[in-house]
Amino acid sequence: MGNSSFPSETDDGWDWQVCSELVIPIGRGSNDTMFPAEPFDFKEYADSCKYSYGVTPRPHWITSYNVILRRFGSNIIFSNGLRDPYSSGGVLEDISHSIIAVNTPRGDLIAWTFCLQGRMIQTG
């Protein structure tokens, strides 16, 4: 099987979605990793989204959407491992008494993936 240089519909859809309504502000500070600092720059991000898709990012769309969630949603749990860099774009606070956010300060995507595979690992 050869690699295609054409993006799939999934790739294009995901790229559009993170530009329009699921902004995930990932950057790194000067002492976070062995890599050079590269803080998240919203203006640069917004300019790129406008150029690529003609949309302006709505970084708080999911949390401002809570009016509809409160009216039509119930029994929803947003789970966030705060070591997972994608948690910065998640719902981190309860929206109502039945739509809640559960944040695990030492949780991360890797630990969750291994947990789903039936493996135990120690983090942190």
PDB file of N, CA and C in Angstrom:
ATOM      1  N   MET A   1       0.828  -1.194   0.000  1.00  0.00           N
ATOM      2  CA  MET A   1       0.000   0.000   0.000  1.00  0.00           C
ATOM      3  C   MET A   1       0.861   1.242   0.000  1.00  0.00           C
ATOM      4  N   GLY A   2       0.576   2.136  -0.889  1.00  0.00           N
ATOM      5  CA  GLY A   2       1.329   3.384  -0.949  1.00  0.00           C
ATOM      6  C   GLY A   2       0.660   4.455  -0.116  1.00  0.00           C
ATOM      7  N   ASN A   3       1.416   5.428   0.273  1.00  0.00           N
ATOM      8  CA  ASN A   3       0.862   6.561   1.018  1.00  0.00           C
ATOM      9  C   ASN A   3       0.283   7.573   0.045  1.00  0.00           C
ATOM     10  N   SER A   4      -0.869   8.101   0.375  1.00  0.00           N
ATOM     11  CA  SER A   4      -1.514   9.100  -0.466  1.00  0.00           C
ATOM     12  C   SER A   4      -1.112  10.492   0.005  1.00  0.00           C
ATOM     13  N   SER A   5      -0.907  11.386  -0.931  1.00  0.00           N
ATOM     14  CA  SER A   5      -0.589  12.762  -0.555  1.00  0.00           C
ATOM     15  C   SER A   5      -1.862  13.596  -0.424  1.00  0.00           C
ATOM     16  N   PHE A   6      -3.010  12.956  -0.598  1.00  0.00           N
ATOM     17  CA  PHE A   6      -4.281  13.660  -0.481  1.00  0.00           C
ATOM     18  C   PHE A   6      -4.882  13.401   0.897  1.00  0.00           C
ATOM     19  N   PRO A   7      -5.282  14.441   1.600  1.00  0.00           N
ATOM     20  CA  PRO A   7      -5.878  14.240   2.919  1.00  0.00           C
ATOM     21  C   PRO A   7      -7.247  13.562   2.796  1.00  0.00           C
ATOM     22  N   SER A   8      -7.596  12.804   3.814  1.00  0.00           N
ATOM     23  CA  SER A   8      -8.906  12.155   3.826  1.00  0.00           C
ATOM     24  C   SER A   8      -9.973  13.164   4.257  1.00  0.00           C
ATOM     25  N   GLU A   9     -11.226  12.779   4.064  1.00  0.00           N
ATOM     26  CA  GLU A   9     -12.324  13.635   4.513  1.00  0.00           C
ATOM     27  C   GLU A   9     -12.268  13.816   6.017  1.00  0.00           C
ATOM     28  N   THR A  10     -11.821  12.773   6.727  1.00  0.00           N
ATOM     29  CA  THR A  10     -11.707  12.862   8.185  1.00  0.00           C
ATOM     30  C   THR A  10     -10.674  13.914   8.563  1.00  0.00           C
ATOM     31  N   ASP A  11      -9.517  13.887   7.899  1.00  0.00           N
ATOM     32  CA  ASP A  11      -8.483  14.888   8.188  1.00  0.00           C
ATOM     33  C   ASP A  11      -9.000  16.298   7.934  1.00  0.00           C
ATOM     34  N   ASP A  12      -9.616  16.504   6.784  1.00  0.00           N
ATOM     35  CA  ASP A  12     -10.146  17.829   6.454  1.00  0.00           C
ATOM     36  C   ASP A  12     -11.229  18.251   7.444  1.00  0.00           C
ATOM     37  N   GLY A  13     -12.097  17.329   7.798  1.00  0.00           N
ATOM     38  CA  GLY A  13     -13.178  17.636   8.741  1.00  0.00           C
ATOM     39  C   GLY A  13     -12.652  18.006  10.113  1.00  0.00           C
ATOM     40  N   TRP A  14     -11.661  17.246  10.587  1.00  0.00           N
ATOM     41  CA  TRP A  14     -11.071  17.527  11.897  1.00  0.00           C
ATOM     42  C   TRP A  14     -10.381  18.887  11.874  1.00  0.00           C
ATOM     43  N   ASP A  15      -9.605  19.162  10.826  1.00  0.00           N
ATOM     44  CA  ASP A  15      -8.906  20.446  10.731  1.00  0.00           C
ATOM     45  C   ASP A  15      -9.891  21.611  10.731  1.00  0.00           C
ATOM     46  N   TRP A  16     -11.004  21.462  10.004  1.00  0.00           N
ATOM     47  CA  TRP A  16     -12.017  22.521   9.991  1.00  0.00           C
ATOM     48  C   TRP A  16     -12.636  22.669  11.380  1.00  0.00           C
ATOM     49  N   GLN A  17     -12.930  21.543  12.042  1.00  0.00           N
ATOM     50  CA  GLN A  17     -13.598  21.600  13.339  1.00  0.00           C
ATOM     51  C   GLN A  17     -12.715  22.261  14.398  1.00  0.00           C
ATOM     52  N   VAL A  18     -11.411  21.933  14.417  1.00  0.00           N
ATOM     53  CA  VAL A  18     -10.557  22.575  15.417  1.00  0.00           C
ATOM     54  C   VAL A  18     -10.326  24.046  15.087  1.00  0.00           C
ATOM     55  N   CYS A  19     -10.572  24.439  13.850  1.00  0.00           N
ATOM     56  CA  CYS A  19     -10.489  25.860  13.500  1.00  0.00           C
ATOM     57  C   CYS A  19     -11.775  26.601  13.846  1.00  0.00           C
ATOM     58  N   SER A  20     -12.898  25.936  13.858  1.00  0.00           N
ATOM     59  CA  SER A  20     -14.153  26.647  14.019  1.00  0.00           C
ATOM     60  C   SER A  20     -14.757  26.540  15.416  1.00  0.00           C
ATOM     61  N   GLU A  21     -14.823  25.349  15.983  1.00  0.00           N
ATOM     62  CA  GLU A  21     -15.577  25.216  17.229  1.00  0.00           C
ATOM     63  C   GLU A  21     -14.906  24.387  18.312  1.00  0.00           C
ATOM     64  N   LEU A  22     -13.800  23.782  18.028  1.00  0.00           N
ATOM     65  CA  LEU A  22     -13.111  22.959  19.027  1.00  0.00           C
ATOM     66  C   LEU A  22     -11.663  23.409  19.152  1.00  0.00           C
ATOM     67  N   VAL A  23     -11.452  24.669  19.444  1.00  0.00           N
ATOM     68  CA  VAL A  23     -10.098  25.215  19.534  1.00  0.00           C
ATOM     69  C   VAL A  23      -9.383  24.563  20.717  1.00  0.00           C
ATOM     70  N   ILE A  24      -8.230  23.978  20.445  1.00  0.00           N
ATOM     71  CA  ILE A  24      -7.439  23.318  21.479  1.00  0.00           C
ATOM     72  C   ILE A  24      -6.096  24.057  21.565  1.00  0.00           C
ATOM     73  N   PRO A  25      -5.980  24.977  22.537  1.00  0.00           N
ATOM     74  CA  PRO A  25      -4.791  25.833  22.609  1.00  0.00           C
ATOM     75  C   PRO A  25      -3.575  25.120  23.191  1.00  0.00           C
ATOM     76  N   ILE A  26      -2.826  24.457  22.342  1.00  0.00           N
ATOM     77  CA  ILE A  26      -1.651  23.718  22.810  1.00  0.00           C
ATOM     78  C   ILE A  26      -0.387  24.508  22.473  1.00  0.00           C
ATOM     79  N   GLY A  27       0.417  24.709  23.467  1.00  0.00           N
ATOM     80  CA  GLY A  27       1.706  25.357  23.308  1.00  0.00           C
ATOM     81  C   GLY A  27       2.617  24.829  24.393  1.00  0.00           C
ATOM     82  N   ARG A  28       3.838  25.298  24.407  1.00  0.00           N
ATOM     83  CA  ARG A  28       4.744  24.875  25.474  1.00  0.00           C
ATOM     84  C   ARG A  28       5.566  26.071  25.928  1.00  0.00           C
ATOM     85  N   GLY A  29       5.802  26.112  27.237  1.00  0.00           N
ATOM     86  CA  GLY A  29       6.588  27.184  27.822  1.00  0.00           C
ATOM     87  C   GLY A  29       8.074  26.883  27.762  1.00  0.00           C
ATOM     88  N   SER A  30       8.851  27.768  28.363  1.00  0.00           N
ATOM     89  CA  SER A  30      10.308  27.654  28.256  1.00  0.00           C
ATOM     90  C   SER A  30      10.886  26.520  29.095  1.00  0.00           C
ATOM     91  N   ASN A  31      10.208  26.102  30.147  1.00  0.00           N
ATOM     92  CA  ASN A  31      10.760  25.054  31.007  1.00  0.00           C
ATOM     93  C   ASN A  31       9.910  23.787  31.029  1.00  0.00           C
ATOM     94  N   ASP A  32       8.978  23.644  30.095  1.00  0.00           N
ATOM     95  CA  ASP A  32       8.077  22.498  30.109  1.00  0.00           C
ATOM     96  C   ASP A  32       8.691  21.235  29.520  1.00  0.00           C
ATOM     97  N   THR A  33       9.512  21.376  28.486  1.00  0.00           N
ATOM     98  CA  THR A  33      10.060  20.221  27.787  1.00  0.00           C
ATOM     99  C   THR A  33      11.495  20.517  27.363  1.00  0.00           C
ATOM    100  N   MET A  34      12.100  19.548  26.709  1.00  0.00           N
ATOM    101  CA  MET A  34      13.449  19.763  26.191  1.00  0.00           C
ATOM    102  C   MET A  34      13.424  20.561  24.887  1.00  0.00           C
ATOM    103  N   PHE A  35      12.243  20.807  24.356  1.00  0.00           N
ATOM    104  CA  PHE A  35      12.105  21.536  23.102  1.00  0.00           C
ATOM    105  C   PHE A  35      12.039  23.037  23.353  1.00  0.00           C
ATOM    106  N   PRO A  36      12.359  23.838  22.347  1.00  0.00           N
ATOM    107  CA  PRO A  36      12.271  25.293  22.517  1.00  0.00           C
ATOM    108  C   PRO A  36      10.832  25.728  22.823  1.00  0.00           C
ATOM    109  N   ALA A  37      10.724  26.813  23.536  1.00  0.00           N
ATOM    110  CA  ALA A  37       9.401  27.349  23.876  1.00  0.00           C
ATOM    111  C   ALA A  37       8.643  27.697  22.607  1.00  0.00           C
ATOM    112  N   GLU A  38       7.358  27.388  22.621  1.00  0.00           N
ATOM    113  CA  GLU A  38       6.478  27.753  21.513  1.00  0.00           C
ATOM    114  C   GLU A  38       5.079  27.953  22.087  1.00  0.00           C
ATOM    115  N   PRO A  39       4.839  29.124  22.683  1.00  0.00           N
ATOM    116  CA  PRO A  39       3.527  29.370  23.287  1.00  0.00           C
ATOM    117  C   PRO A  39       2.428  29.428  22.226  1.00  0.00           C
ATOM    118  N   PHE A  40       1.215  29.130  22.648  1.00  0.00           N
ATOM    119  CA  PHE A  40       0.065  29.200  21.746  1.00  0.00           C
ATOM    120  C   PHE A  40      -0.187  30.665  21.409  1.00  0.00           C
ATOM    121  N   ASP A  41      -0.308  30.958  20.141  1.00  0.00           N
ATOM    122  CA  ASP A  41      -0.542  32.321  19.668  1.00  0.00           C
ATOM    123  C   ASP A  41      -1.907  32.352  18.977  1.00  0.00           C
ATOM    124  N   PHE A  42      -2.926  32.853  19.691  1.00  0.00           N
ATOM    125  CA  PHE A  42      -4.279  32.813  19.150  1.00  0.00           C
ATOM    126  C   PHE A  42      -4.410  33.617  17.857  1.00  0.00           C
ATOM    127  N   LYS A  43      -3.758  34.772  17.769  1.00  0.00           N
ATOM    128  CA  LYS A  43      -3.873  35.580  16.559  1.00  0.00           C
ATOM    129  C   LYS A  43      -3.311  34.823  15.348  1.00  0.00           C
ATOM    130  N   GLU A  44      -2.163  34.216  15.510  1.00  0.00           N
ATOM    131  CA  GLU A  44      -1.573  33.437  14.419  1.00  0.00           C
ATOM    132  C   GLU A  44      -2.483  32.264  14.037  1.00  0.00           C
ATOM    133  N   TYR A  45      -3.040  31.617  15.053  1.00  0.00           N
ATOM    134  CA  TYR A  45      -3.959  30.497  14.841  1.00  0.00           C
ATOM    135  C   TYR A  45      -5.210  30.959  14.081  1.00  0.00           C
ATOM    136  N   ALA A  46      -5.784  32.076  14.532  1.00  0.00           N
ATOM    137  CA  ALA A  46      -6.997  32.601  13.895  1.00  0.00           C
ATOM    138  C   ALA A  46      -6.726  33.007  12.454  1.00  0.00           C
ATOM    139  N   ASP A  47      -5.576  33.636  12.207  1.00  0.00           N
ATOM    140  CA  ASP A  47      -5.218  34.024  10.839  1.00  0.00           C
ATOM    141  C   ASP A  47      -5.099  32.801   9.941  1.00  0.00           C
ATOM    142  N   SER A  48      -4.494  31.728  10.460  1.00  0.00           N
ATOM    143  CA  SER A  48      -4.337  30.491   9.696  1.00  0.00           C
ATOM    144  C   SER A  48      -5.697  29.863   9.376  1.00  0.00           C
ATOM    145  N   CYS A  49      -6.598  29.868  10.341  1.00  0.00           N
ATOM    146  CA  CYS A  49      -7.942  29.312  10.132  1.00  0.00           C
ATOM    147  C   CYS A  49      -8.714  30.126   9.096  1.00  0.00           C
ATOM    148  N   LYS A  50      -8.599  31.438   9.199  1.00  0.00           N
ATOM    149  CA  LYS A  50      -9.285  32.317   8.245  1.00  0.00           C
ATOM    150  C   LYS A  50      -8.753  32.081   6.835  1.00  0.00           C
ATOM    151  N   TYR A  51      -7.444  31.940   6.709  1.00  0.00           N
ATOM    152  CA  TYR A  51      -6.817  31.704   5.404  1.00  0.00           C
ATOM    153  C   TYR A  51      -7.201  30.325   4.843  1.00  0.00           C
ATOM    154  N   SER A  52      -7.132  29.283   5.685  1.00  0.00           N
ATOM    155  CA  SER A  52      -7.362  27.910   5.210  1.00  0.00           C
ATOM    156  C   SER A  52      -8.832  27.570   4.987  1.00  0.00           C
ATOM    157  N   TYR A  53      -9.709  28.061   5.875  1.00  0.00           N
ATOM    158  CA  TYR A  53     -11.115  27.637   5.830  1.00  0.00           C
ATOM    159  C   TYR A  53     -12.123  28.768   5.771  1.00  0.00           C
ATOM    160  N   GLY A  54     -11.652  30.010   5.889  1.00  0.00           N
ATOM    161  CA  GLY A  54     -12.572  31.140   5.863  1.00  0.00           C
ATOM    162  C   GLY A  54     -13.415  31.248   7.113  1.00  0.00           C
ATOM    163  N   VAL A  55     -12.948  30.685   8.224  1.00  0.00           N
ATOM    164  CA  VAL A  55     -13.708  30.729   9.476  1.00  0.00           C
ATOM    165  C   VAL A  55     -12.885  31.405  10.566  1.00  0.00           C
ATOM    166  N   THR A  56     -13.582  32.001  11.500  1.00  0.00           N
ATOM    167  CA  THR A  56     -12.955  32.588  12.673  1.00  0.00           C
ATOM    168  C   THR A  56     -13.151  31.625  13.839  1.00  0.00           C
ATOM    169  N   PRO A  57     -12.076  31.236  14.521  1.00  0.00           N
ATOM    170  CA  PRO A  57     -12.210  30.300  15.644  1.00  0.00           C
ATOM    171  C   PRO A  57     -13.088  30.849  16.758  1.00  0.00           C
ATOM    172  N   ARG A  58     -13.857  29.954  17.363  1.00  0.00           N
ATOM    173  CA  ARG A  58     -14.681  30.297  18.528  1.00  0.00           C
ATOM    174  C   ARG A  58     -14.152  29.468  19.701  1.00  0.00           C
ATOM    175  N   PRO A  59     -13.147  29.973  20.422  1.00  0.00           N
ATOM    176  CA  PRO A  59     -12.466  29.158  21.422  1.00  0.00           C
ATOM    177  C   PRO A  59     -13.342  28.702  22.587  1.00  0.00           C
ATOM    178  N   HIS A  60     -14.405  29.398  22.874  1.00  0.00           N
ATOM    179  CA  HIS A  60     -15.256  29.019  24.007  1.00  0.00           C
ATOM    180  C   HIS A  60     -16.620  28.506  23.550  1.00  0.00           C
ATOM    181  N   TRP A  61     -16.707  28.067  22.308  1.00  0.00           N
ATOM    182  CA  TRP A  61     -17.983  27.631  21.754  1.00  0.00           C
ATOM    183  C   TRP A  61     -18.579  26.483  22.553  1.00  0.00           C
ATOM    184  N   ILE A  62     -17.802  25.475  22.866  1.00  0.00           N
ATOM    185  CA  ILE A  62     -18.361  24.307  23.557  1.00  0.00           C
ATOM    186  C   ILE A  62     -18.913  24.688  24.925  1.00  0.00           C
ATOM    187  N   THR A  63     -18.252  25.586  25.638  1.00  0.00           N
ATOM    188  CA  THR A  63     -18.769  25.969  26.948  1.00  0.00           C
ATOM    189  C   THR A  63     -19.903  26.985  26.839  1.00  0.00           C
ATOM    190  N   SER A  64     -19.920  27.819  25.782  1.00  0.00           N
ATOM    191  CA  SER A  64     -21.046  28.737  25.610  1.00  0.00           C
ATOM    192  C   SER A  64     -22.262  28.006  25.056  1.00  0.00           C
ATOM    193  N   TYR A  65     -22.026  26.838  24.505  1.00  0.00           N
ATOM    194  CA  TYR A  65     -23.101  26.004  23.981  1.00  0.00           C
ATOM    195  C   TYR A  65     -23.902  25.369  25.116  1.00  0.00           C
ATOM    196  N   ASN A  66     -23.504  25.649  26.363  1.00  0.00           N
ATOM    197  CA  ASN A  66     -24.147  24.993  27.497  1.00  0.00           C
ATOM    198  C   ASN A  66     -25.618  25.339  27.665  1.00  0.00           C
ATOM    199  N   VAL A  67     -26.090  26.421  27.057  1.00  0.00           N
ATOM    200  CA  VAL A  67     -27.525  26.742  27.118  1.00  0.00           C
ATOM    201  C   VAL A  67     -28.320  25.609  26.464  1.00  0.00           C
ATOM    202  N   ILE A  68     -27.854  25.157  25.317  1.00  0.00           N
ATOM    203  CA  ILE A  68     -28.530  24.043  24.631  1.00  0.00           C
ATOM    204  C   ILE A  68     -28.319  22.753  25.403  1.00  0.00           C
ATOM    205  N   LEU A  69     -27.099  22.535  25.918  1.00  0.00           N
ATOM    206  CA  LEU A  69     -26.852  21.330  26.712  1.00  0.00           C
ATOM    207  C   LEU A  69     -27.754  21.297  27.938  1.00  0.00           C
ATOM    208  N   ARG A  70     -27.905  22.436  28.615  1.00  0.00           N
ATOM    209  CA  ARG A  70     -28.775  22.482  29.803  1.00  0.00           C
ATOM    210  C   ARG A  70     -30.226  22.157  29.457  1.00  0.00           C
ATOM    211  N   ARG A  71     -30.648  22.619  28.295  1.00  0.00           N
ATOM    212  CA  ARG A  71     -32.054  22.420  27.921  1.00  0.00           C
ATOM    213  C   ARG A  71     -32.334  20.993  27.442  1.00  0.00           C
ATOM    214  N   PHE A  72     -31.407  20.435  26.656  1.00  0.00           N
ATOM    215  CA  PHE A  72     -31.674  19.139  26.025  1.00  0.00           C
ATOM    216  C   PHE A  72     -30.794  18.001  26.524  1.00  0.00           C
ATOM    217  N   GLY A  73     -29.735  18.309  27.260  1.00  0.00           N
ATOM    218  CA  GLY A  73     -28.807  17.260  27.686  1.00  0.00           C
ATOM    219  C   GLY A  73     -29.031  16.839  29.119  1.00  0.00           C
ATOM    220  N   SER A  74     -28.637  15.613  29.425  1.00  0.00           N
ATOM    221  CA  SER A  74     -28.647  15.144  30.800  1.00  0.00           C
ATOM    222  C   SER A  74     -27.731  13.934  30.907  1.00  0.00           C
ATOM    223  N   ASN A  75     -27.243  13.719  32.099  1.00  0.00           N
ATOM    224  CA  ASN A  75     -26.390  12.565  32.387  1.00  0.00           C
ATOM    225  C   ASN A  75     -25.190  12.485  31.445  1.00  0.00           C
ATOM    226  N   ILE A  76     -24.483  13.612  31.304  1.00  0.00           N
ATOM    227  CA  ILE A  76     -23.280  13.669  30.487  1.00  0.00           C
ATOM    228  C   ILE A  76     -22.100  13.927  31.410  1.00  0.00           C
ATOM    229  N   ILE A  77     -21.041  13.167  31.229  1.00  0.00           N
ATOM    230  CA  ILE A  77     -19.823  13.368  32.004  1.00  0.00           C
ATOM    231  C   ILE A  77     -18.693  13.709  31.047  1.00  0.00           C
ATOM    232  N   PHE A  78     -18.083  14.872  31.250  1.00  0.00           N
ATOM    233  CA  PHE A  78     -16.892  15.254  30.507  1.00  0.00           C
ATOM    234  C   PHE A  78     -15.701  14.888  31.384  1.00  0.00           C
ATOM    235  N   SER A  79     -14.893  13.960  30.937  1.00  0.00           N
ATOM    236  CA  SER A  79     -13.753  13.477  31.707  1.00  0.00           C
ATOM    237  C   SER A  79     -12.467  14.073  31.140  1.00  0.00           C
ATOM    238  N   ASN A  80     -11.667  14.660  32.010  1.00  0.00           N
ATOM    239  CA  ASN A  80     -10.448  15.339  31.581  1.00  0.00           C
ATOM    240  C   ASN A  80      -9.251  14.911  32.419  1.00  0.00           C
ATOM    241  N   GLY A  81      -8.290  14.272  31.792  1.00  0.00           N
ATOM    242  CA  GLY A  81      -7.002  14.045  32.430  1.00  0.00           C
ATOM    243  C   GLY A  81      -6.184  15.305  32.180  1.00  0.00           C
ATOM    244  N   LEU A  82      -5.872  16.045  33.229  1.00  0.00           N
ATOM    245  CA  LEU A  82      -5.267  17.364  33.048  1.00  0.00           C
ATOM    246  C   LEU A  82      -3.819  17.313  32.565  1.00  0.00           C
ATOM    247  N   ARG A  83      -3.227  16.128  32.515  1.00  0.00           N
ATOM    248  CA  ARG A  83      -1.900  15.993  31.903  1.00  0.00           C
ATOM    249  C   ARG A  83      -2.010  15.787  30.391  1.00  0.00           C
ATOM    250  N   ASP A  84      -3.198  15.536  29.913  1.00  0.00           N
ATOM    251  CA  ASP A  84      -3.425  15.391  28.481  1.00  0.00           C
ATOM    252  C   ASP A  84      -3.482  16.791  27.876  1.00  0.00           C
ATOM    253  N   PRO A  85      -2.616  17.089  26.910  1.00  0.00           N
ATOM    254  CA  PRO A  85      -2.620  18.447  26.365  1.00  0.00           C
ATOM    255  C   PRO A  85      -3.951  18.850  25.736  1.00  0.00           C
ATOM    256  N   TYR A  86      -4.751  17.903  25.295  1.00  0.00           N
ATOM    257  CA  TYR A  86      -6.040  18.238  24.691  1.00  0.00           C
ATOM    258  C   TYR A  86      -7.073  18.677  25.725  1.00  0.00           C
ATOM    259  N   SER A  87      -6.807  18.462  27.009  1.00  0.00           N
ATOM    260  CA  SER A  87      -7.778  18.864  28.035  1.00  0.00           C
ATOM    261  C   SER A  87      -7.982  20.368  28.054  1.00  0.00           C
ATOM    262  N   SER A  88      -7.015  21.137  27.555  1.00  0.00           N
ATOM    263  CA  SER A  88      -7.166  22.595  27.555  1.00  0.00           C
ATOM    264  C   SER A  88      -8.329  23.057  26.684  1.00  0.00           C
ATOM    265  N   GLY A  89      -8.776  22.215  25.761  1.00  0.00           N
ATOM    266  CA  GLY A  89      -9.916  22.554  24.925  1.00  0.00           C
ATOM    267  C   GLY A  89     -11.200  21.896  25.391  1.00  0.00           C
ATOM    268  N   GLY A  90     -11.158  21.278  26.559  1.00  0.00           N
ATOM    269  CA  GLY A  90     -12.309  20.527  27.042  1.00  0.00           C
ATOM    270  C   GLY A  90     -13.225  21.318  27.955  1.00  0.00           C
ATOM    271  N   VAL A  91     -14.290  20.667  28.364  1.00  0.00           N
ATOM    272  CA  VAL A  91     -15.219  21.237  29.337  1.00  0.00           C
ATOM    273  C   VAL A  91     -14.652  20.911  30.712  1.00  0.00           C
ATOM    274  N   LEU A  92     -14.199  21.923  31.433  1.00  0.00           N
ATOM    275  CA  LEU A  92     -13.492  21.719  32.698  1.00  0.00           C
ATOM    276  C   LEU A  92     -14.337  22.062  33.924  1.00  0.00           C
ATOM    277  N   GLU A  93     -15.533  22.581  33.711  1.00  0.00           N
ATOM    278  CA  GLU A  93     -16.419  22.924  34.825  1.00  0.00           C
ATOM    279  C   GLU A  93     -17.803  22.351  34.572  1.00  0.00           C
ATOM    280  N   ASP A  94     -18.508  22.009  35.655  1.00  0.00           N
ATOM    281  CA  ASP A  94     -19.867  21.484  35.540  1.00  0.00           C
ATOM    282  C   ASP A  94     -20.748  22.493  34.809  1.00  0.00           C
ATOM    283  N   ILE A  95     -21.641  21.986  33.999  1.00  0.00           N
ATOM    284  CA  ILE A  95     -22.596  22.832  33.294  1.00  0.00           C
ATOM    285  C   ILE A  95     -23.923  22.842  34.038  1.00  0.00           C
ATOM    286  N   SER A  96     -24.293  21.714  34.644  1.00  0.00           N
ATOM    287  CA  SER A  96     -25.501  21.622  35.462  1.00  0.00           C
ATOM    288  C   SER A  96     -25.296  20.481  36.450  1.00  0.00           C
ATOM    289  N   HIS A  97     -26.329  20.175  37.217  1.00  0.00           N
ATOM    290  CA  HIS A  97     -26.194  19.086  38.195  1.00  0.00           C
ATOM    291  C   HIS A  97     -26.093  17.711  37.529  1.00  0.00           C
ATOM    292  N   SER A  98     -26.521  17.594  36.274  1.00  0.00           N
ATOM    293  CA  SER A  98     -26.434  16.290  35.595  1.00  0.00           C
ATOM    294  C   SER A  98     -25.491  16.296  34.391  1.00  0.00           C
ATOM    295  N   ILE A  99     -24.835  17.427  34.153  1.00  0.00           N
ATOM    296  CA  ILE A  99     -23.810  17.527  33.103  1.00  0.00           C
ATOM    297  C   ILE A  99     -22.559  18.030  33.804  1.00  0.00           C
ATOM    298  N   ILE A 100     -21.664  17.091  34.108  1.00  0.00           N
ATOM    299  CA  ILE A 100     -20.543  17.412  34.982  1.00  0.00           C
ATOM    300  C   ILE A 100     -19.187  17.193  34.314  1.00  0.00           C
ATOM    301  N   ALA A 101     -18.211  17.880  34.860  1.00  0.00           N
ATOM    302  CA  ALA A 101     -16.821  17.710  34.428  1.00  0.00           C
ATOM    303  C   ALA A 101     -16.070  17.005  35.549  1.00  0.00           C
ATOM    304  N   VAL A 102     -15.373  15.943  35.206  1.00  0.00           N
ATOM    305  CA  VAL A 102     -14.537  15.236  36.166  1.00  0.00           C
ATOM    306  C   VAL A 102     -13.095  15.421  35.706  1.00  0.00           C
ATOM    307  N   ASN A 103     -12.320  16.129  36.530  1.00  0.00           N
ATOM    308  CA  ASN A 103     -10.933  16.417  36.181  1.00  0.00           C
ATOM    309  C   ASN A 103     -10.002  15.590  37.055  1.00  0.00           C
ATOM    310  N   THR A 104      -9.076  14.884  36.427  1.00  0.00           N
ATOM    311  CA  THR A 104      -8.083  14.123  37.161  1.00  0.00           C
ATOM    312  C   THR A 104      -6.727  14.791  36.932  1.00  0.00           C
ATOM    313  N   PRO A 105      -6.203  15.482  37.955  1.00  0.00           N
ATOM    314  CA  PRO A 105      -4.980  16.269  37.803  1.00  0.00           C
ATOM    315  C   PRO A 105      -3.789  15.468  37.266  1.00  0.00           C
ATOM    316  N   ARG A 106      -3.686  14.185  37.614  1.00  0.00           N
ATOM    317  CA  ARG A 106      -2.543  13.396  37.158  1.00  0.00           C
ATOM    318  C   ARG A 106      -2.909  12.464  36.010  1.00  0.00           C
ATOM    319  N   GLY A 107      -4.097  12.615  35.468  1.00  0.00           N
ATOM    320  CA  GLY A 107      -4.536  11.756  34.375  1.00  0.00           C
ATOM    321  C   GLY A 107      -4.024  12.241  33.033  1.00  0.00           C
ATOM    322  N   ASP A 108      -3.827  11.299  32.130  1.00  0.00           N
ATOM    323  CA  ASP A 108      -3.394  11.664  30.784  1.00  0.00           C
ATOM    324  C   ASP A 108      -3.946  10.672  29.775  1.00  0.00           C
ATOM    325  N   LEU A 109      -3.809  11.013  28.520  1.00  0.00           N
ATOM    326  CA  LEU A 109      -4.334  10.189  27.436  1.00  0.00           C
ATOM    327  C   LEU A 109      -3.657   8.824  27.384  1.00  0.00           C
ATOM    328  N   ILE A 110      -2.355   8.771  27.629  1.00  0.00           N
ATOM    329  CA  ILE A 110      -1.611   7.514  27.561  1.00  0.00           C
ATOM    330  C   ILE A 110      -2.128   6.547  28.628  1.00  0.00           C
ATOM    331  N   ALA A 111      -2.284   7.039  29.852  1.00  0.00           N
ATOM    332  CA  ALA A 111      -2.764   6.172  30.929  1.00  0.00           C
ATOM    333  C   ALA A 111      -4.150   5.634  30.602  1.00  0.00           C
ATOM    334  N   TRP A 112      -5.013   6.475  30.064  1.00  0.00           N
ATOM    335  CA  TRP A 112      -6.365   6.054  29.710  1.00  0.00           C
ATOM    336  C   TRP A 112      -6.333   5.000  28.610  1.00  0.00           C
ATOM    337  N   THR A 113      -5.470   5.194  27.621  1.00  0.00           N
ATOM    338  CA  THR A 113      -5.343   4.233  26.524  1.00  0.00           C
ATOM    339  C   THR A 113      -4.895   2.880  27.052  1.00  0.00           C
ATOM    340  N   PHE A 114      -3.891   2.876  27.922  1.00  0.00           N
ATOM    341  CA  PHE A 114      -3.427   1.609  28.484  1.00  0.00           C
ATOM    342  C   PHE A 114      -4.501   0.979  29.352  1.00  0.00           C
ATOM    343  N   CYS A 115      -5.249   1.790  30.078  1.00  0.00           N
ATOM    344  CA  CYS A 115      -6.332   1.278  30.909  1.00  0.00           C
ATOM    345  C   CYS A 115      -7.372   0.564  30.045  1.00  0.00           C
ATOM    346  N   LEU A 116      -7.716   1.157  28.914  1.00  0.00           N
ATOM    347  CA  LEU A 116      -8.694   0.554  28.020  1.00  0.00           C
ATOM    348  C   LEU A 116      -8.190  -0.769  27.447  1.00  0.00           C
ATOM    349  N   GLN A 117      -6.862  -0.896  27.320  1.00  0.00           N
ATOM    350  CA  GLN A 117      -6.287  -2.123  26.783  1.00  0.00           C
ATOM    351  C   GLN A 117      -6.087  -3.167  27.871  1.00  0.00           C
ATOM    352  N   GLY A 118      -6.498  -2.860  29.107  1.00  0.00           N
ATOM    353  CA  GLY A 118      -6.401  -3.824  30.193  1.00  0.00           C
ATOM    354  C   GLY A 118      -5.028  -3.884  30.831  1.00  0.00           C
ATOM    355  N   ARG A 119      -4.214  -2.890  30.615  1.00  0.00           N
ATOM    356  CA  ARG A 119      -2.884  -2.850  31.210  1.00  0.00           C
ATOM    357  C   ARG A 119      -2.874  -1.830  32.352  1.00  0.00           C
ATOM    358  N   MET A 120      -2.055  -2.100  33.324  1.00  0.00           N
ATOM    359  CA  MET A 120      -1.889  -1.160  34.427  1.00  0.00           C
ATOM    360  C   MET A 120      -0.556  -0.465  34.264  1.00  0.00           C
ATOM    361  N   ILE A 121      -0.533   0.852  34.403  1.00  0.00           N
ATOM    362  CA  ILE A 121       0.726   1.577  34.368  1.00  0.00           C
ATOM    363  C   ILE A 121       0.750   2.596  35.502  1.00  0.00           C
ATOM    364  N   GLN A 122       1.906   2.999  35.880  1.00  0.00           N
ATOM    365  CA  GLN A 122       2.083   4.009  36.911  1.00  0.00           C
ATOM    366  C   GLN A 122       2.457   5.315  36.235  1.00  0.00           C
ATOM    367  N   THR A 123       1.747   6.385  36.530  1.00  0.00           N
ATOM    368  CA  THR A 123       2.112   7.691  35.957  1.00  0.00           C
ATOM    369  C   THR A 123       2.585   8.601  37.063  1.00  0.00           C
ATOM    370  N   GLY A 124       3.483   9.488  36.690  1.00  0.00           N
ATOM    371  CA  GLY A 124       3.880  10.574  37.558  1.00  0.00           C
ATOM    372  C   GLY A 124       4.869  10.250  38.573  1.00  0.00           C
TER     373      GLY A 124
END
